[in-house]
Amino acid sequence: MKPDKLNILGIPYSVTYCDNLLDVDPNKREALYGYCDHHTQTIRIYDKDCKIEFVWQTIFHEVLHLIGDNTKISILKNDSEQKHNELDCLANVLSDFLFRNDLIKVES
């Protein structure tokens, strides 16, 4: 199951799924897997032919960006390539944890 809305720190965000990597970027300048914007309260995720685990990892990645933007938690701030990669690893670990423990189930 993929959510179409998420509440992050009391703020509702709409989630849009895209079939083209360029469509994830609202300006269509970069091929992206995920994008979030706290001003428009939107999250955009690439999901064409992607496994649900990858989609959720991307969702977590964008949610962590939004948490970092709204709380100023420095480890979640995307101010360097290294921190962005670490945030991606954290999203991967969280996604893996939830799937391995059947907290998110793969639809058959």
PDB file of N, CA and C in Angstrom:
ATOM      1  N   MET A   1       0.831  -1.170   0.000  1.00  0.00           N
ATOM      2  CA  MET A   1       0.000   0.000   0.000  1.00  0.00           C
ATOM      3  C   MET A   1       0.887   1.249   0.000  1.00  0.00           C
ATOM      4  N   LYS A   2       0.540   2.189  -0.848  1.00  0.00           N
ATOM      5  CA  LYS A   2       1.264   3.449  -0.926  1.00  0.00           C
ATOM      6  C   LYS A   2       0.319   4.564  -0.475  1.00  0.00           C
ATOM      7  N   PRO A   3       0.786   5.397   0.450  1.00  0.00           N
ATOM      8  CA  PRO A   3      -0.085   6.471   0.939  1.00  0.00           C
ATOM      9  C   PRO A   3      -0.227   7.596  -0.080  1.00  0.00           C
ATOM     10  N   ASP A   4      -1.384   8.229  -0.095  1.00  0.00           N
ATOM     11  CA  ASP A   4      -1.557   9.412  -0.939  1.00  0.00           C
ATOM     12  C   ASP A   4      -1.512  10.692  -0.100  1.00  0.00           C
ATOM     13  N   LYS A   5      -1.491  10.518   1.242  1.00  0.00           N
ATOM     14  CA  LYS A   5      -1.337  11.644   2.169  1.00  0.00           C
ATOM     15  C   LYS A   5      -0.513  11.179   3.355  1.00  0.00           C
ATOM     16  N   LEU A   6       0.303  12.076   3.874  1.00  0.00           N
ATOM     17  CA  LEU A   6       1.081  11.800   5.077  1.00  0.00           C
ATOM     18  C   LEU A   6       1.005  13.011   5.991  1.00  0.00           C
ATOM     19  N   ASN A   7       0.932  12.764   7.287  1.00  0.00           N
ATOM     20  CA  ASN A   7       0.962  13.839   8.267  1.00  0.00           C
ATOM     21  C   ASN A   7       2.340  13.820   8.898  1.00  0.00           C
ATOM     22  N   ILE A   8       3.095  14.906   8.712  1.00  0.00           N
ATOM     23  CA  ILE A   8       4.452  14.991   9.224  1.00  0.00           C
ATOM     24  C   ILE A   8       4.521  16.183  10.160  1.00  0.00           C
ATOM     25  N   LEU A   9       4.677  15.894  11.458  1.00  0.00           N
ATOM     26  CA  LEU A   9       4.735  16.930  12.485  1.00  0.00           C
ATOM     27  C   LEU A   9       3.497  17.831  12.460  1.00  0.00           C
ATOM     28  N   GLY A  10       2.343  17.213  12.227  1.00  0.00           N
ATOM     29  CA  GLY A  10       1.088  17.942  12.230  1.00  0.00           C
ATOM     30  C   GLY A  10       0.749  18.645  10.926  1.00  0.00           C
ATOM     31  N   ILE A  11       1.586  18.484   9.925  1.00  0.00           N
ATOM     32  CA  ILE A  11       1.362  19.133   8.634  1.00  0.00           C
ATOM     33  C   ILE A  11       0.962  18.067   7.615  1.00  0.00           C
ATOM     34  N   PRO A  12      -0.179  18.235   6.942  1.00  0.00           N
ATOM     35  CA  PRO A  12      -0.580  17.259   5.927  1.00  0.00           C
ATOM     36  C   PRO A  12       0.180  17.490   4.616  1.00  0.00           C
ATOM     37  N   TYR A  13       0.709  16.428   4.073  1.00  0.00           N
ATOM     38  CA  TYR A  13       1.410  16.455   2.782  1.00  0.00           C
ATOM     39  C   TYR A  13       0.688  15.528   1.813  1.00  0.00           C
ATOM     40  N   SER A  14       0.501  15.971   0.594  1.00  0.00           N
ATOM     41  CA  SER A  14      -0.043  15.090  -0.431  1.00  0.00           C
ATOM     42  C   SER A  14       1.125  14.383  -1.104  1.00  0.00           C
ATOM     43  N   VAL A  15       0.895  13.129  -1.480  1.00  0.00           N
ATOM     44  CA  VAL A  15       1.933  12.324  -2.118  1.00  0.00           C
ATOM     45  C   VAL A  15       1.482  12.005  -3.537  1.00  0.00           C
ATOM     46  N   THR A  16       2.349  12.303  -4.495  1.00  0.00           N
ATOM     47  CA  THR A  16       2.089  12.033  -5.903  1.00  0.00           C
ATOM     48  C   THR A  16       3.121  11.028  -6.388  1.00  0.00           C
ATOM     49  N   TYR A  17       2.669  10.047  -7.164  1.00  0.00           N
ATOM     50  CA  TYR A  17       3.561   9.032  -7.713  1.00  0.00           C
ATOM     51  C   TYR A  17       3.728   9.289  -9.206  1.00  0.00           C
ATOM     52  N   CYS A  18       4.968   9.208  -9.662  1.00  0.00           N
ATOM     53  CA  CYS A  18       5.300   9.567 -11.040  1.00  0.00           C
ATOM     54  C   CYS A  18       5.869   8.371 -11.792  1.00  0.00           C
ATOM     55  N   ASP A  19       5.546   8.287 -13.080  1.00  0.00           N
ATOM     56  CA  ASP A  19       6.055   7.228 -13.939  1.00  0.00           C
ATOM     57  C   ASP A  19       7.345   7.624 -14.664  1.00  0.00           C
ATOM     58  N   ASN A  20       7.723   8.888 -14.553  1.00  0.00           N
ATOM     59  CA  ASN A  20       8.906   9.387 -15.243  1.00  0.00           C
ATOM     60  C   ASN A  20       9.772  10.122 -14.223  1.00  0.00           C
ATOM     61  N   LEU A  21      11.081   9.849 -14.231  1.00  0.00           N
ATOM     62  CA  LEU A  21      11.985  10.487 -13.274  1.00  0.00           C
ATOM     63  C   LEU A  21      11.971  12.011 -13.387  1.00  0.00           C
ATOM     64  N   LEU A  22      11.826  12.534 -14.589  1.00  0.00           N
ATOM     65  CA  LEU A  22      11.786  13.995 -14.759  1.00  0.00           C
ATOM     66  C   LEU A  22      10.510  14.610 -14.186  1.00  0.00           C
ATOM     67  N   ASP A  23       9.440  13.831 -14.124  1.00  0.00           N
ATOM     68  CA  ASP A  23       8.189  14.338 -13.570  1.00  0.00           C
ATOM     69  C   ASP A  23       8.255  14.509 -12.048  1.00  0.00           C
ATOM     70  N   VAL A  24       9.205  13.838 -11.411  1.00  0.00           N
ATOM     71  CA  VAL A  24       9.354  13.981  -9.959  1.00  0.00           C
ATOM     72  C   VAL A  24       9.794  15.405  -9.624  1.00  0.00           C
ATOM     73  N   ASP A  25      10.666  15.965 -10.434  1.00  0.00           N
ATOM     74  CA  ASP A  25      11.099  17.358 -10.268  1.00  0.00           C
ATOM     75  C   ASP A  25      10.016  18.257 -10.843  1.00  0.00           C
ATOM     76  N   PRO A  26       9.381  19.097 -10.021  1.00  0.00           N
ATOM     77  CA  PRO A  26       8.312  19.950 -10.549  1.00  0.00           C
ATOM     78  C   PRO A  26       8.786  20.883 -11.663  1.00  0.00           C
ATOM     79  N   ASN A  27      10.076  21.175 -11.689  1.00  0.00           N
ATOM     80  CA  ASN A  27      10.637  22.027 -12.747  1.00  0.00           C
ATOM     81  C   ASN A  27      11.158  21.234 -13.937  1.00  0.00           C
ATOM     82  N   LYS A  28      11.107  19.914 -13.828  1.00  0.00           N
ATOM     83  CA  LYS A  28      11.534  18.987 -14.890  1.00  0.00           C
ATOM     84  C   LYS A  28      12.964  19.251 -15.360  1.00  0.00           C
ATOM     85  N   ARG A  29      13.847  19.603 -14.406  1.00  0.00           N
ATOM     86  CA  ARG A  29      15.255  19.848 -14.728  1.00  0.00           C
ATOM     87  C   ARG A  29      16.151  18.668 -14.401  1.00  0.00           C
ATOM     88  N   GLU A  30      15.759  17.874 -13.392  1.00  0.00           N
ATOM     89  CA  GLU A  30      16.580  16.764 -12.933  1.00  0.00           C
ATOM     90  C   GLU A  30      15.774  15.479 -12.894  1.00  0.00           C
ATOM     91  N   ALA A  31      16.428  14.373 -13.172  1.00  0.00           N
ATOM     92  CA  ALA A  31      15.809  13.063 -12.994  1.00  0.00           C
ATOM     93  C   ALA A  31      15.967  12.693 -11.520  1.00  0.00           C
ATOM     94  N   LEU A  32      14.850  12.604 -10.807  1.00  0.00           N
ATOM     95  CA  LEU A  32      14.873  12.354  -9.367  1.00  0.00           C
ATOM     96  C   LEU A  32      14.005  11.160  -9.007  1.00  0.00           C
ATOM     97  N   TYR A  33      14.367  10.490  -7.911  1.00  0.00           N
ATOM     98  CA  TYR A  33      13.528   9.421  -7.369  1.00  0.00           C
ATOM     99  C   TYR A  33      12.511   9.974  -6.382  1.00  0.00           C
ATOM    100  N   GLY A  34      12.865  11.053  -5.689  1.00  0.00           N
ATOM    101  CA  GLY A  34      11.954  11.648  -4.734  1.00  0.00           C
ATOM    102  C   GLY A  34      12.190  13.134  -4.622  1.00  0.00           C
ATOM    103  N   TYR A  35      11.137  13.844  -4.209  1.00  0.00           N
ATOM    104  CA  TYR A  35      11.200  15.295  -4.059  1.00  0.00           C
ATOM    105  C   TYR A  35      10.170  15.689  -3.021  1.00  0.00           C
ATOM    106  N   CYS A  36      10.534  16.641  -2.166  1.00  0.00           N
ATOM    107  CA  CYS A  36       9.568  17.147  -1.198  1.00  0.00           C
ATOM    108  C   CYS A  36       9.655  18.661  -1.142  1.00  0.00           C
ATOM    109  N   ASP A  37       8.538  19.279  -0.794  1.00  0.00           N
ATOM    110  CA  ASP A  37       8.480  20.732  -0.707  1.00  0.00           C
ATOM    111  C   ASP A  37       7.582  21.093   0.467  1.00  0.00           C
ATOM    112  N   HIS A  38       8.186  21.661   1.523  1.00  0.00           N
ATOM    113  CA  HIS A  38       7.362  21.986   2.691  1.00  0.00           C
ATOM    114  C   HIS A  38       6.515  23.234   2.462  1.00  0.00           C
ATOM    115  N   HIS A  39       6.839  24.045   1.472  1.00  0.00           N
ATOM    116  CA  HIS A  39       6.004  25.221   1.186  1.00  0.00           C
ATOM    117  C   HIS A  39       4.674  24.821   0.533  1.00  0.00           C
ATOM    118  N   THR A  40       4.742  23.872  -0.411  1.00  0.00           N
ATOM    119  CA  THR A  40       3.516  23.426  -1.084  1.00  0.00           C
ATOM    120  C   THR A  40       2.909  22.191  -0.419  1.00  0.00           C
ATOM    121  N   GLN A  41       3.597  21.667   0.594  1.00  0.00           N
ATOM    122  CA  GLN A  41       3.171  20.479   1.324  1.00  0.00           C
ATOM    123  C   GLN A  41       2.925  19.298   0.381  1.00  0.00           C
ATOM    124  N   THR A  42       3.949  19.046  -0.449  1.00  0.00           N
ATOM    125  CA  THR A  42       3.856  17.945  -1.410  1.00  0.00           C
ATOM    126  C   THR A  42       5.097  17.068  -1.348  1.00  0.00           C
ATOM    127  N   ILE A  43       4.874  15.817  -1.672  1.00  0.00           N
ATOM    128  CA  ILE A  43       5.956  14.836  -1.831  1.00  0.00           C
ATOM    129  C   ILE A  43       5.711  14.158  -3.168  1.00  0.00           C
ATOM    130  N   ARG A  44       6.765  14.039  -3.970  1.00  0.00           N
ATOM    131  CA  ARG A  44       6.665  13.384  -5.280  1.00  0.00           C
ATOM    132  C   ARG A  44       7.631  12.195  -5.282  1.00  0.00           C
ATOM    133  N   ILE A  45       7.140  11.041  -5.731  1.00  0.00           N
ATOM    134  CA  ILE A  45       7.910   9.804  -5.689  1.00  0.00           C
ATOM    135  C   ILE A  45       7.852   9.105  -7.043  1.00  0.00           C
ATOM    136  N   TYR A  46       9.011   8.663  -7.532  1.00  0.00           N
ATOM    137  CA  TYR A  46       9.064   7.843  -8.744  1.00  0.00           C
ATOM    138  C   TYR A  46       8.720   6.416  -8.353  1.00  0.00           C
ATOM    139  N   ASP A  47       7.807   5.789  -9.092  1.00  0.00           N
ATOM    140  CA  ASP A  47       7.450   4.416  -8.718  1.00  0.00           C
ATOM    141  C   ASP A  47       7.191   3.475  -9.897  1.00  0.00           C
ATOM    142  N   LYS A  48       7.494   3.902 -11.115  1.00  0.00           N
ATOM    143  CA  LYS A  48       7.217   3.032 -12.259  1.00  0.00           C
ATOM    144  C   LYS A  48       8.103   1.779 -12.205  1.00  0.00           C
ATOM    145  N   ASP A  49       7.453   0.642 -12.136  1.00  0.00           N
ATOM    146  CA  ASP A  49       8.123  -0.658 -12.109  1.00  0.00           C
ATOM    147  C   ASP A  49       9.084  -0.827 -10.934  1.00  0.00           C
ATOM    148  N   CYS A  50       8.905  -0.060  -9.864  1.00  0.00           N
ATOM    149  CA  CYS A  50       9.767  -0.159  -8.680  1.00  0.00           C
ATOM    150  C   CYS A  50       9.129  -1.105  -7.663  1.00  0.00           C
ATOM    151  N   LYS A  51       9.975  -1.833  -6.978  1.00  0.00           N
ATOM    152  CA  LYS A  51       9.469  -2.675  -5.892  1.00  0.00           C
ATOM    153  C   LYS A  51       8.977  -1.771  -4.775  1.00  0.00           C
ATOM    154  N   ILE A  52       7.975  -2.253  -4.049  1.00  0.00           N
ATOM    155  CA  ILE A  52       7.364  -1.463  -2.990  1.00  0.00           C
ATOM    156  C   ILE A  52       8.387  -1.080  -1.916  1.00  0.00           C
ATOM    157  N   GLU A  53       9.372  -1.943  -1.666  1.00  0.00           N
ATOM    158  CA  GLU A  53      10.402  -1.624  -0.675  1.00  0.00           C
ATOM    159  C   GLU A  53      11.192  -0.381  -1.097  1.00  0.00           C
ATOM    160  N   PHE A  54      11.496  -0.280  -2.387  1.00  0.00           N
ATOM    161  CA  PHE A  54      12.213   0.896  -2.897  1.00  0.00           C
ATOM    162  C   PHE A  54      11.352   2.146  -2.793  1.00  0.00           C
ATOM    163  N   VAL A  55      10.077   2.012  -3.105  1.00  0.00           N
ATOM    164  CA  VAL A  55       9.164   3.155  -3.015  1.00  0.00           C
ATOM    165  C   VAL A  55       9.118   3.659  -1.571  1.00  0.00           C
ATOM    166  N   TRP A  56       8.991   2.748  -0.615  1.00  0.00           N
ATOM    167  CA  TRP A  56       8.942   3.149   0.788  1.00  0.00           C
ATOM    168  C   TRP A  56      10.260   3.741   1.250  1.00  0.00           C
ATOM    169  N   GLN A  57      11.372   3.201   0.782  1.00  0.00           N
ATOM    170  CA  GLN A  57      12.662   3.790   1.136  1.00  0.00           C
ATOM    171  C   GLN A  57      12.719   5.238   0.654  1.00  0.00           C
ATOM    172  N   THR A  58      12.223   5.487  -0.544  1.00  0.00           N
ATOM    173  CA  THR A  58      12.214   6.845  -1.088  1.00  0.00           C
ATOM    174  C   THR A  58      11.271   7.739  -0.294  1.00  0.00           C
ATOM    175  N   ILE A  59      10.120   7.204   0.096  1.00  0.00           N
ATOM    176  CA  ILE A  59       9.189   7.975   0.933  1.00  0.00           C
ATOM    177  C   ILE A  59       9.878   8.361   2.244  1.00  0.00           C
ATOM    178  N   PHE A  60      10.517   7.389   2.906  1.00  0.00           N
ATOM    179  CA  PHE A  60      11.203   7.685   4.168  1.00  0.00           C
ATOM    180  C   PHE A  60      12.295   8.732   3.967  1.00  0.00           C
ATOM    181  N   HIS A  61      13.019   8.629   2.877  1.00  0.00           N
ATOM    182  CA  HIS A  61      14.070   9.596   2.578  1.00  0.00           C
ATOM    183  C   HIS A  61      13.493  11.014   2.538  1.00  0.00           C
ATOM    184  N   GLU A  62      12.393  11.176   1.824  1.00  0.00           N
ATOM    185  CA  GLU A  62      11.783  12.507   1.712  1.00  0.00           C
ATOM    186  C   GLU A  62      11.184  12.958   3.045  1.00  0.00           C
ATOM    187  N   VAL A  63      10.592  12.043   3.785  1.00  0.00           N
ATOM    188  CA  VAL A  63      10.037  12.384   5.102  1.00  0.00           C
ATOM    189  C   VAL A  63      11.155  12.846   6.034  1.00  0.00           C
ATOM    190  N   LEU A  64      12.299  12.170   5.995  1.00  0.00           N
ATOM    191  CA  LEU A  64      13.425  12.582   6.833  1.00  0.00           C
ATOM    192  C   LEU A  64      13.918  13.979   6.451  1.00  0.00           C
ATOM    193  N   HIS A  65      13.910  14.297   5.164  1.00  0.00           N
ATOM    194  CA  HIS A  65      14.240  15.669   4.737  1.00  0.00           C
ATOM    195  C   HIS A  65      13.286  16.664   5.386  1.00  0.00           C
ATOM    196  N   LEU A  66      12.000  16.371   5.329  1.00  0.00           N
ATOM    197  CA  LEU A  66      10.997  17.281   5.884  1.00  0.00           C
ATOM    198  C   LEU A  66      11.128  17.408   7.397  1.00  0.00           C
ATOM    199  N   ILE A  67      11.393  16.311   8.076  1.00  0.00           N
ATOM    200  CA  ILE A  67      11.610  16.369   9.522  1.00  0.00           C
ATOM    201  C   ILE A  67      12.822  17.242   9.821  1.00  0.00           C
ATOM    202  N   GLY A  68      13.901  17.051   9.072  1.00  0.00           N
ATOM    203  CA  GLY A  68      15.096  17.866   9.259  1.00  0.00           C
ATOM    204  C   GLY A  68      14.838  19.331   9.007  1.00  0.00           C
ATOM    205  N   ASP A  69      14.086  19.649   7.946  1.00  0.00           N
ATOM    206  CA  ASP A  69      13.768  21.046   7.630  1.00  0.00           C
ATOM    207  C   ASP A  69      12.925  21.700   8.718  1.00  0.00           C
ATOM    208  N   ASN A  70      12.005  20.930   9.286  1.00  0.00           N
ATOM    209  CA  ASN A  70      11.078  21.501  10.262  1.00  0.00           C
ATOM    210  C   ASN A  70      11.599  21.498  11.695  1.00  0.00           C
ATOM    211  N   THR A  71      12.577  20.648  12.000  1.00  0.00           N
ATOM    212  CA  THR A  71      13.078  20.558  13.374  1.00  0.00           C
ATOM    213  C   THR A  71      14.485  21.091  13.520  1.00  0.00           C
ATOM    214  N   LYS A  72      15.159  21.277  12.402  1.00  0.00           N
ATOM    215  CA  LYS A  72      16.558  21.737  12.404  1.00  0.00           C
ATOM    216  C   LYS A  72      17.490  20.713  13.031  1.00  0.00           C
ATOM    217  N   ILE A  73      17.102  19.432  13.022  1.00  0.00           N
ATOM    218  CA  ILE A  73      17.987  18.370  13.492  1.00  0.00           C
ATOM    219  C   ILE A  73      19.127  18.270  12.478  1.00  0.00           C
ATOM    220  N   SER A  74      20.314  18.571  12.911  1.00  0.00           N
ATOM    221  CA  SER A  74      21.429  18.735  11.973  1.00  0.00           C
ATOM    222  C   SER A  74      21.766  17.461  11.201  1.00  0.00           C
ATOM    223  N   ILE A  75      21.593  16.295  11.820  1.00  0.00           N
ATOM    224  CA  ILE A  75      21.932  15.071  11.093  1.00  0.00           C
ATOM    225  C   ILE A  75      20.979  14.795   9.932  1.00  0.00           C
ATOM    226  N   LEU A  76      19.819  15.433   9.940  1.00  0.00           N
ATOM    227  CA  LEU A  76      18.848  15.242   8.860  1.00  0.00           C
ATOM    228  C   LEU A  76      18.899  16.361   7.820  1.00  0.00           C
ATOM    229  N   LYS A  77      19.731  17.364   8.061  1.00  0.00           N
ATOM    230  CA  LYS A  77      19.827  18.471   7.110  1.00  0.00           C
ATOM    231  C   LYS A  77      20.620  18.024   5.888  1.00  0.00           C
ATOM    232  N   ASN A  78      20.154  18.432   4.735  1.00  0.00           N
ATOM    233  CA  ASN A  78      20.754  18.031   3.467  1.00  0.00           C
ATOM    234  C   ASN A  78      21.738  19.100   2.999  1.00  0.00           C
ATOM    235  N   ASP A  79      22.810  19.340   3.777  1.00  0.00           N
ATOM    236  CA  ASP A  79      23.729  20.405   3.424  1.00  0.00           C
ATOM    237  C   ASP A  79      25.053  19.910   2.859  1.00  0.00           C
ATOM    238  N   SER A  80      25.157  18.614   2.606  1.00  0.00           N
ATOM    239  CA  SER A  80      26.358  18.078   1.969  1.00  0.00           C
ATOM    240  C   SER A  80      26.022  16.734   1.332  1.00  0.00           C
ATOM    241  N   GLU A  81      26.846  16.339   0.390  1.00  0.00           N
ATOM    242  CA  GLU A  81      26.665  15.036  -0.275  1.00  0.00           C
ATOM    243  C   GLU A  81      26.757  13.904   0.740  1.00  0.00           C
ATOM    244  N   GLN A  82      27.698  14.013   1.676  1.00  0.00           N
ATOM    245  CA  GLN A  82      27.874  12.963   2.680  1.00  0.00           C
ATOM    246  C   GLN A  82      26.628  12.832   3.554  1.00  0.00           C
ATOM    247  N   LYS A  83      26.085  13.965   4.021  1.00  0.00           N
ATOM    248  CA  LYS A  83      24.886  13.894   4.860  1.00  0.00           C
ATOM    249  C   LYS A  83      23.695  13.355   4.069  1.00  0.00           C
ATOM    250  N   HIS A  84      23.614  13.714   2.789  1.00  0.00           N
ATOM    251  CA  HIS A  84      22.525  13.197   1.955  1.00  0.00           C
ATOM    252  C   HIS A  84      22.645  11.680   1.824  1.00  0.00           C
ATOM    253  N   ASN A  85      23.851  11.172   1.642  1.00  0.00           N
ATOM    254  CA  ASN A  85      24.065   9.725   1.551  1.00  0.00           C
ATOM    255  C   ASN A  85      23.748   9.038   2.875  1.00  0.00           C
ATOM    256  N   GLU A  86      24.108   9.672   3.992  1.00  0.00           N
ATOM    257  CA  GLU A  86      23.797   9.108   5.303  1.00  0.00           C
ATOM    258  C   GLU A  86      22.287   9.078   5.537  1.00  0.00           C
ATOM    259  N   LEU A  87      21.603  10.120   5.112  1.00  0.00           N
ATOM    260  CA  LEU A  87      20.152  10.165   5.232  1.00  0.00           C
ATOM    261  C   LEU A  87      19.531   9.041   4.400  1.00  0.00           C
ATOM    262  N   ASP A  88      20.091   8.799   3.227  1.00  0.00           N
ATOM    263  CA  ASP A  88      19.610   7.712   2.381  1.00  0.00           C
ATOM    264  C   ASP A  88      19.811   6.358   3.065  1.00  0.00           C
ATOM    265  N   CYS A  89      20.951   6.176   3.723  1.00  0.00           N
ATOM    266  CA  CYS A  89      21.203   4.930   4.469  1.00  0.00           C
ATOM    267  C   CYS A  89      20.203   4.767   5.606  1.00  0.00           C
ATOM    268  N   LEU A  90      19.915   5.852   6.322  1.00  0.00           N
ATOM    269  CA  LEU A  90      18.943   5.793   7.412  1.00  0.00           C
ATOM    270  C   LEU A  90      17.559   5.427   6.878  1.00  0.00           C
ATOM    271  N   ALA A  91      17.170   5.999   5.756  1.00  0.00           N
ATOM    272  CA  ALA A  91      15.877   5.663   5.144  1.00  0.00           C
ATOM    273  C   ALA A  91      15.845   4.185   4.762  1.00  0.00           C
ATOM    274  N   ASN A  92      16.942   3.670   4.245  1.00  0.00           N
ATOM    275  CA  ASN A  92      17.031   2.266   3.856  1.00  0.00           C
ATOM    276  C   ASN A  92      16.880   1.358   5.082  1.00  0.00           C
ATOM    277  N   VAL A  93      17.561   1.692   6.166  1.00  0.00           N
ATOM    278  CA  VAL A  93      17.494   0.894   7.395  1.00  0.00           C
ATOM    279  C   VAL A  93      16.078   0.907   7.972  1.00  0.00           C
ATOM    280  N   LEU A  94      15.441   2.072   8.014  1.00  0.00           N
ATOM    281  CA  LEU A  94      14.070   2.158   8.531  1.00  0.00           C
ATOM    282  C   LEU A  94      13.095   1.338   7.682  1.00  0.00           C
ATOM    283  N   SER A  95      13.236   1.454   6.381  1.00  0.00           N
ATOM    284  CA  SER A  95      12.374   0.699   5.473  1.00  0.00           C
ATOM    285  C   SER A  95      12.574  -0.804   5.671  1.00  0.00           C
ATOM    286  N   ASP A  96      13.823  -1.228   5.743  1.00  0.00           N
ATOM    287  CA  ASP A  96      14.135  -2.646   5.950  1.00  0.00           C
ATOM    288  C   ASP A  96      13.537  -3.148   7.263  1.00  0.00           C
ATOM    289  N   PHE A  97      13.687  -2.380   8.326  1.00  0.00           N
ATOM    290  CA  PHE A  97      13.148  -2.747   9.635  1.00  0.00           C
ATOM    291  C   PHE A  97      11.636  -2.961   9.567  1.00  0.00           C
ATOM    292  N   LEU A  98      10.939  -2.039   8.931  1.00  0.00           N
ATOM    293  CA  LEU A  98       9.480  -2.125   8.869  1.00  0.00           C
ATOM    294  C   LEU A  98       9.010  -3.308   8.025  1.00  0.00           C
ATOM    295  N   PHE A  99       9.695  -3.587   6.928  1.00  0.00           N
ATOM    296  CA  PHE A  99       9.309  -4.723   6.100  1.00  0.00           C
ATOM    297  C   PHE A  99       9.661  -6.052   6.754  1.00  0.00           C
ATOM    298  N   ARG A 100      10.845  -6.153   7.328  1.00  0.00           N
ATOM    299  CA  ARG A 100      11.263  -7.419   7.965  1.00  0.00           C
ATOM    300  C   ARG A 100      10.377  -7.798   9.142  1.00  0.00           C
ATOM    301  N   ASN A 101       9.809  -6.815   9.798  1.00  0.00           N
ATOM    302  CA  ASN A 101       8.961  -7.073  10.953  1.00  0.00           C
ATOM    303  C   ASN A 101       7.479  -7.017  10.608  1.00  0.00           C
ATOM    304  N   ASP A 102       7.171  -7.066   9.315  1.00  0.00           N
ATOM    305  CA  ASP A 102       5.793  -7.073   8.815  1.00  0.00           C
ATOM    306  C   ASP A 102       4.963  -5.901   9.319  1.00  0.00           C
ATOM    307  N   LEU A 103       5.610  -4.775   9.572  1.00  0.00           N
ATOM    308  CA  LEU A 103       4.870  -3.571   9.935  1.00  0.00           C
ATOM    309  C   LEU A 103       4.334  -2.895   8.685  1.00  0.00           C
ATOM    310  N   ILE A 104       5.029  -3.107   7.575  1.00  0.00           N
ATOM    311  CA  ILE A 104       4.525  -2.778   6.240  1.00  0.00           C
ATOM    312  C   ILE A 104       4.592  -4.085   5.471  1.00  0.00           C
ATOM    313  N   LYS A 105       3.511  -4.468   4.873  1.00  0.00           N
ATOM    314  CA  LYS A 105       3.464  -5.763   4.175  1.00  0.00           C
ATOM    315  C   LYS A 105       3.511  -5.559   2.661  1.00  0.00           C
ATOM    316  N   VAL A 106       4.192  -6.455   1.999  1.00  0.00           N
ATOM    317  CA  VAL A 106       4.232  -6.470   0.556  1.00  0.00           C
ATOM    318  C   VAL A 106       2.934  -7.083   0.066  1.00  0.00           C
ATOM    319  N   GLU A 107       2.238  -6.354  -0.808  1.00  0.00           N
ATOM    320  CA  GLU A 107       0.992  -6.881  -1.362  1.00  0.00           C
ATOM    321  C   GLU A 107       1.311  -7.971  -2.369  1.00  0.00           C
ATOM    322  N   SER A 108       0.541  -9.039  -2.324  1.00  0.00           N
ATOM    323  CA  SER A 108       0.760 -10.157  -3.257  1.00  0.00           C
ATOM    324  C   SER A 108      -0.072  -9.990  -4.508  1.00  0.00           C
TER     325      SER A 108
END
